[in-house]
C-alpha atoms as a PDB file:
ATOM      1  CA  UNK A   1     -19.312  17.957  19.318  1.00  0.00           C
ATOM      2  CA  UNK A   2     -15.475  18.731  20.230  1.00  0.00           C
ATOM      3  CA  UNK A   3     -12.823  18.637  17.345  1.00  0.00           C
ATOM      4  CA  UNK A   4     -10.114  16.189  17.617  1.00  0.00           C
ATOM      5  CA  UNK A   5      -6.439  16.425  15.822  1.00  0.00           C
ATOM      6  CA  UNK A   6      -5.143  12.444  14.849  1.00  0.00           C
ATOM      7  CA  UNK A   7      -2.037  12.631  13.912  1.00  0.00           C
ATOM      8  CA  UNK A   8      -0.641  11.571  10.686  1.00  0.00           C
ATOM      9  CA  UNK A   9       2.403  10.014   9.130  1.00  0.00           C
ATOM     10  CA  UNK A  10       2.976   8.576  12.054  1.00  0.00           C
ATOM     11  CA  UNK A  11       5.838   6.343  11.053  1.00  0.00           C
ATOM     12  CA  UNK A  12       7.797   9.029   9.492  1.00  0.00           C
ATOM     13  CA  UNK A  13      11.226   9.698  11.187  1.00  0.00           C
ATOM     14  CA  UNK A  14      12.333  13.241  12.153  1.00  0.00           C
ATOM     15  CA  UNK A  15      15.308  14.295   9.803  1.00  0.00           C
ATOM     16  CA  UNK A  16      17.497  16.475  11.089  1.00  0.00           C
ATOM     17  CA  UNK A  17      20.863  17.664   8.518  1.00  0.00           C
ATOM     18  CA  UNK A  18      18.729  17.437   5.440  1.00  0.00           C
ATOM     19  CA  UNK A  19      17.192  14.016   4.834  1.00  0.00           C
ATOM     20  CA  UNK A  20      19.167  12.273   7.145  1.00  0.00           C
ATOM     21  CA  UNK A  21      16.762  11.074  10.276  1.00  0.00           C
ATOM     22  CA  UNK A  22      18.048  10.796  13.739  1.00  0.00           C
ATOM     23  CA  UNK A  23      18.465   7.275  13.819  1.00  0.00           C
ATOM     24  CA  UNK A  24      21.007   7.364  10.498  1.00  0.00           C
ATOM     25  CA  UNK A  25      22.942  10.214  11.401  1.00  0.00           C
ATOM     26  CA  UNK A  26      23.606   8.148  14.879  1.00  0.00           C
ATOM     27  CA  UNK A  27      24.364   5.263  12.894  1.00  0.00           C
ATOM     28  CA  UNK A  28      26.898   6.977  10.455  1.00  0.00           C
ATOM     29  CA  UNK A  29      28.473   8.284  13.517  1.00  0.00           C
ATOM     30  CA  UNK A  30      29.220   5.030  15.277  1.00  0.00           C
ATOM     31  CA  UNK A  31      30.206   3.774  11.000  1.00  0.00           C
ATOM     32  CA  UNK A  32      32.718   6.802  11.233  1.00  0.00           C
ATOM     33  CA  UNK A  33      34.031   5.436  14.760  1.00  0.00           C
ATOM     34  CA  UNK A  34      34.737   2.062  13.530  1.00  0.00           C
ATOM     35  CA  UNK A  35      36.329   3.337  10.159  1.00  0.00           C
ATOM     36  CA  UNK A  36      38.344   5.524  12.604  1.00  0.00           C
ATOM     37  CA  UNK A  37      39.544   2.915  14.299  1.00  0.00           C
ATOM     38  CA  UNK A  38      40.355   0.637  11.458  1.00  0.00           C
ATOM     39  CA  UNK A  39      42.989   3.433  10.360  1.00  0.00           C
ATOM     40  CA  UNK A  40      44.391   3.565  13.124  1.00  0.00           C
ATOM     41  CA  UNK A  41      44.590  -0.270  13.717  1.00  0.00           C
ATOM     42  CA  UNK A  42      45.077  -2.043  10.429  1.00  0.00           C
ATOM     43  CA  UNK A  43      47.839  -0.836   7.181  1.00  0.00           C
ATOM     44  CA  UNK A  44      46.678   0.711   4.343  1.00  0.00           C
ATOM     45  CA  UNK A  45      45.047  -1.682   1.947  1.00  0.00           C
ATOM     46  CA  UNK A  46      43.215  -3.538   4.984  1.00  0.00           C
ATOM     47  CA  UNK A  47      41.602  -0.296   6.116  1.00  0.00           C
ATOM     48  CA  UNK A  48      40.970   0.345   2.335  1.00  0.00           C
ATOM     49  CA  UNK A  49      39.319  -3.144   2.888  1.00  0.00           C
ATOM     50  CA  UNK A  50      37.696  -2.430   6.242  1.00  0.00           C
ATOM     51  CA  UNK A  51      36.058   0.928   5.232  1.00  0.00           C
ATOM     52  CA  UNK A  52      34.899  -0.285   2.132  1.00  0.00           C
ATOM     53  CA  UNK A  53      32.724  -3.196   4.208  1.00  0.00           C
ATOM     54  CA  UNK A  54      31.842  -0.798   7.044  1.00  0.00           C
ATOM     55  CA  UNK A  55      30.636   1.997   4.671  1.00  0.00           C
ATOM     56  CA  UNK A  56      28.637  -0.494   3.022  1.00  0.00           C
ATOM     57  CA  UNK A  57      27.130  -2.127   5.965  1.00  0.00           C
ATOM     58  CA  UNK A  58      26.290   1.216   6.955  1.00  0.00           C
ATOM     59  CA  UNK A  59      24.337   1.835   4.286  1.00  0.00           C
ATOM     60  CA  UNK A  60      22.818  -0.858   3.975  1.00  0.00           C
ATOM     61  CA  UNK A  61      21.282  -0.905   7.610  1.00  0.00           C
ATOM     62  CA  UNK A  62      20.681   2.703   7.219  1.00  0.00           C
ATOM     63  CA  UNK A  63      19.101   3.560   3.945  1.00  0.00           C
ATOM     64  CA  UNK A  64      17.908   0.401   2.690  1.00  0.00           C
ATOM     65  CA  UNK A  65      14.263  -0.921   2.831  1.00  0.00           C
ATOM     66  CA  UNK A  66      12.646  -3.786   1.395  1.00  0.00           C
ATOM     67  CA  UNK A  67       9.059  -4.170   1.491  1.00  0.00           C
ATOM     68  CA  UNK A  68       8.322  -0.814   2.986  1.00  0.00           C
ATOM     69  CA  UNK A  69      10.847  -2.190   6.414  1.00  0.00           C
ATOM     70  CA  UNK A  70      13.958  -1.082   7.697  1.00  0.00           C
ATOM     71  CA  UNK A  71      16.583  -3.438   6.840  1.00  0.00           C
ATOM     72  CA  UNK A  72      17.426  -4.425  10.054  1.00  0.00           C
ATOM     73  CA  UNK A  73      13.939  -5.271  11.246  1.00  0.00           C
ATOM     74  CA  UNK A  74      13.511  -7.037   7.777  1.00  0.00           C
ATOM     75  CA  UNK A  75      16.767  -8.870   8.723  1.00  0.00           C
ATOM     76  CA  UNK A  76      15.099  -9.984  12.281  1.00  0.00           C
ATOM     77  CA  UNK A  77      12.279 -11.130  10.776  1.00  0.00           C
ATOM     78  CA  UNK A  78      14.045 -13.647   8.390  1.00  0.00           C
ATOM     79  CA  UNK A  79      16.016 -14.967  11.514  1.00  0.00           C
ATOM     80  CA  UNK A  80      12.850 -15.285  13.621  1.00  0.00           C
ATOM     81  CA  UNK A  81      11.313 -17.255  10.255  1.00  0.00           C
ATOM     82  CA  UNK A  82      14.373 -19.448   9.961  1.00  0.00           C
ATOM     83  CA  UNK A  83      14.554 -20.256  13.812  1.00  0.00           C
ATOM     84  CA  UNK A  84      10.392 -20.916  13.879  1.00  0.00           C
ATOM     85  CA  UNK A  85       8.348 -24.199  11.886  1.00  0.00           C
ATOM     86  CA  UNK A  86       8.099 -24.067   8.621  1.00  0.00           C
ATOM     87  CA  UNK A  87       4.611 -25.549   8.352  1.00  0.00           C
ATOM     88  CA  UNK A  88       1.649 -23.971  10.096  1.00  0.00           C
ATOM     89  CA  UNK A  89      -1.572 -26.564   9.521  1.00  0.00           C
ATOM     90  CA  UNK A  90      -4.697 -25.674  11.044  1.00  0.00           C
ATOM     91  CA  UNK A  91      -6.904 -27.975  11.621  1.00  0.00           C
ATOM     92  CA  UNK A  92     -10.516 -27.740  12.232  1.00  0.00           C
ATOM     93  CA  UNK A  93     -11.709 -30.726  14.168  1.00  0.00           C
ATOM     94  CA  UNK A  94      -9.271 -30.419  16.513  1.00  0.00           C
ATOM     95  CA  UNK A  95      -9.728 -31.399  19.791  1.00  0.00           C
ATOM     96  CA  UNK A  96      -7.251 -30.614  22.921  1.00  0.00           C
ATOM     97  CA  UNK A  97      -8.483 -33.786  24.402  1.00  0.00           C
ATOM     98  CA  UNK A  98      -7.197 -35.812  21.896  1.00  0.00           C
ATOM     99  CA  UNK A  99      -3.782 -34.791  22.150  1.00  0.00           C
ATOM    100  CA  UNK A 100      -1.133 -37.270  20.948  1.00  0.00           C
ATOM    101  CA  UNK A 101       2.430 -37.139  23.189  1.00  0.00           C
ATOM    102  CA  UNK A 102       5.296 -38.511  22.548  1.00  0.00           C
ATOM    103  CA  UNK A 103       4.946 -41.946  23.297  1.00  0.00           C
ATOM    104  CA  UNK A 104       1.951 -42.214  21.141  1.00  0.00           C
ATOM    105  CA  UNK A 105      -0.754 -42.315  24.006  1.00  0.00           C
ATOM    106  CA  UNK A 106      -3.407 -40.273  23.887  1.00  0.00           C
ATOM    107  CA  UNK A 107      -4.215 -38.007  26.999  1.00  0.00           C
ATOM    108  CA  UNK A 108      -7.001 -36.857  27.866  1.00  0.00           C
ATOM    109  CA  UNK A 109      -7.523 -33.764  29.720  1.00  0.00           C
ATOM    110  CA  UNK A 110     -10.690 -33.233  31.300  1.00  0.00           C
ATOM    111  CA  UNK A 111     -10.787 -29.398  31.696  1.00  0.00           C
ATOM    112  CA  UNK A 112     -10.085 -28.758  27.826  1.00  0.00           C
ATOM    113  CA  UNK A 113     -12.801 -26.889  25.820  1.00  0.00           C
ATOM    114  CA  UNK A 114     -14.880 -29.014  23.423  1.00  0.00           C
ATOM    115  CA  UNK A 115     -15.520 -27.280  20.056  1.00  0.00           C
ATOM    116  CA  UNK A 116     -19.140 -27.014  19.799  1.00  0.00           C
ATOM    117  CA  UNK A 117     -20.832 -27.127  15.970  1.00  0.00           C
ATOM    118  CA  UNK A 118     -21.999 -23.568  15.987  1.00  0.00           C
ATOM    119  CA  UNK A 119     -26.077 -23.234  14.270  1.00  0.00           C
ATOM    120  CA  UNK A 120     -26.377 -20.308  12.061  1.00  0.00           C
ATOM    121  CA  UNK A 121     -29.060 -18.605  11.550  1.00  0.00           C
ATOM    122  CA  UNK A 122     -30.833 -18.748   8.023  1.00  0.00           C
ATOM    123  CA  UNK A 123     -29.290 -16.241   5.507  1.00  0.00           C
ATOM    124  CA  UNK A 124     -32.930 -13.739   4.866  1.00  0.00           C
ATOM    125  CA  UNK A 125     -32.684 -13.464   8.513  1.00  0.00           C
ATOM    126  CA  UNK A 126     -29.245 -12.350   8.560  1.00  0.00           C
ATOM    127  CA  UNK A 127     -30.320  -9.975   6.001  1.00  0.00           C
ATOM    128  CA  UNK A 128     -32.867  -8.261   7.772  1.00  0.00           C
ATOM    129  CA  UNK A 129     -30.345  -7.949  10.730  1.00  0.00           C
ATOM    130  CA  UNK A 130     -27.473  -6.191   8.757  1.00  0.00           C
ATOM    131  CA  UNK A 131     -30.421  -3.975   7.484  1.00  0.00           C
ATOM    132  CA  UNK A 132     -31.600  -3.330  10.703  1.00  0.00           C
ATOM    133  CA  UNK A 133     -27.652  -2.403  12.152  1.00  0.00           C
ATOM    134  CA  UNK A 134     -26.885  -0.959   9.234  1.00  0.00           C
ATOM    135  CA  UNK A 135     -30.261   2.282   9.460  1.00  0.00           C
ATOM    136  CA  UNK A 136     -29.679   2.288  12.996  1.00  0.00           C
ATOM    137  CA  UNK A 137     -32.729   0.409  14.092  1.00  0.00           C
ATOM    138  CA  UNK A 138     -35.042   2.356  12.097  1.00  0.00           C
ATOM    139  CA  UNK A 139     -36.126  -0.403   9.735  1.00  0.00           C
ATOM    140  CA  UNK A 140     -37.287  -2.934  12.467  1.00  0.00           C
ATOM    141  CA  UNK A 141     -39.046  -5.901   9.719  1.00  0.00           C
ATOM    142  CA  UNK A 142     -41.736  -7.777  11.770  1.00  0.00           C
ATOM    143  CA  UNK A 143     -40.374 -11.301  11.304  1.00  0.00           C
ATOM    144  CA  UNK A 144     -36.714 -10.602  13.613  1.00  0.00           C
ATOM    145  CA  UNK A 145     -39.652  -8.813  15.949  1.00  0.00           C
ATOM    146  CA  UNK A 146     -41.938 -12.223  15.944  1.00  0.00           C
ATOM    147  CA  UNK A 147     -38.805 -14.280  16.499  1.00  0.00           C
ATOM    148  CA  UNK A 148     -37.265 -12.165  19.105  1.00  0.00           C
ATOM    149  CA  UNK A 149     -40.444 -12.595  21.156  1.00  0.00           C
ATOM    150  CA  UNK A 150     -40.961 -16.663  21.037  1.00  0.00           C
END
């Protein structure tokens, strides 16, 4: 059987300068450009405030991770969760043909699938089937073979 090399650590970014990744380096270059632009366009007091803010935003977006996610992905997740519905409830008995419209009338959809109650096999049959699957088909109890032939 041929051996295949499975890639490891695919979520780790390549480092280019010490511990700095390509993404962090590009963000740093953009931050330096913004700071230089602020230096040319603002007076000293305003420049210091802008430089601190730009550097702070750079540090947060480039280096901060929350729950193992980069900050910009975390920020997008927050925005997405704030713009979507807050509560989702699973209704097991929900049927598509009884959806109520805004006018409180019941719509009937004839093409909608109907939910069917599934019949579950008894636990003894399940345990023997799992034993047969776990052993690769070598163990085949007589009960399972009899039930299949009926």
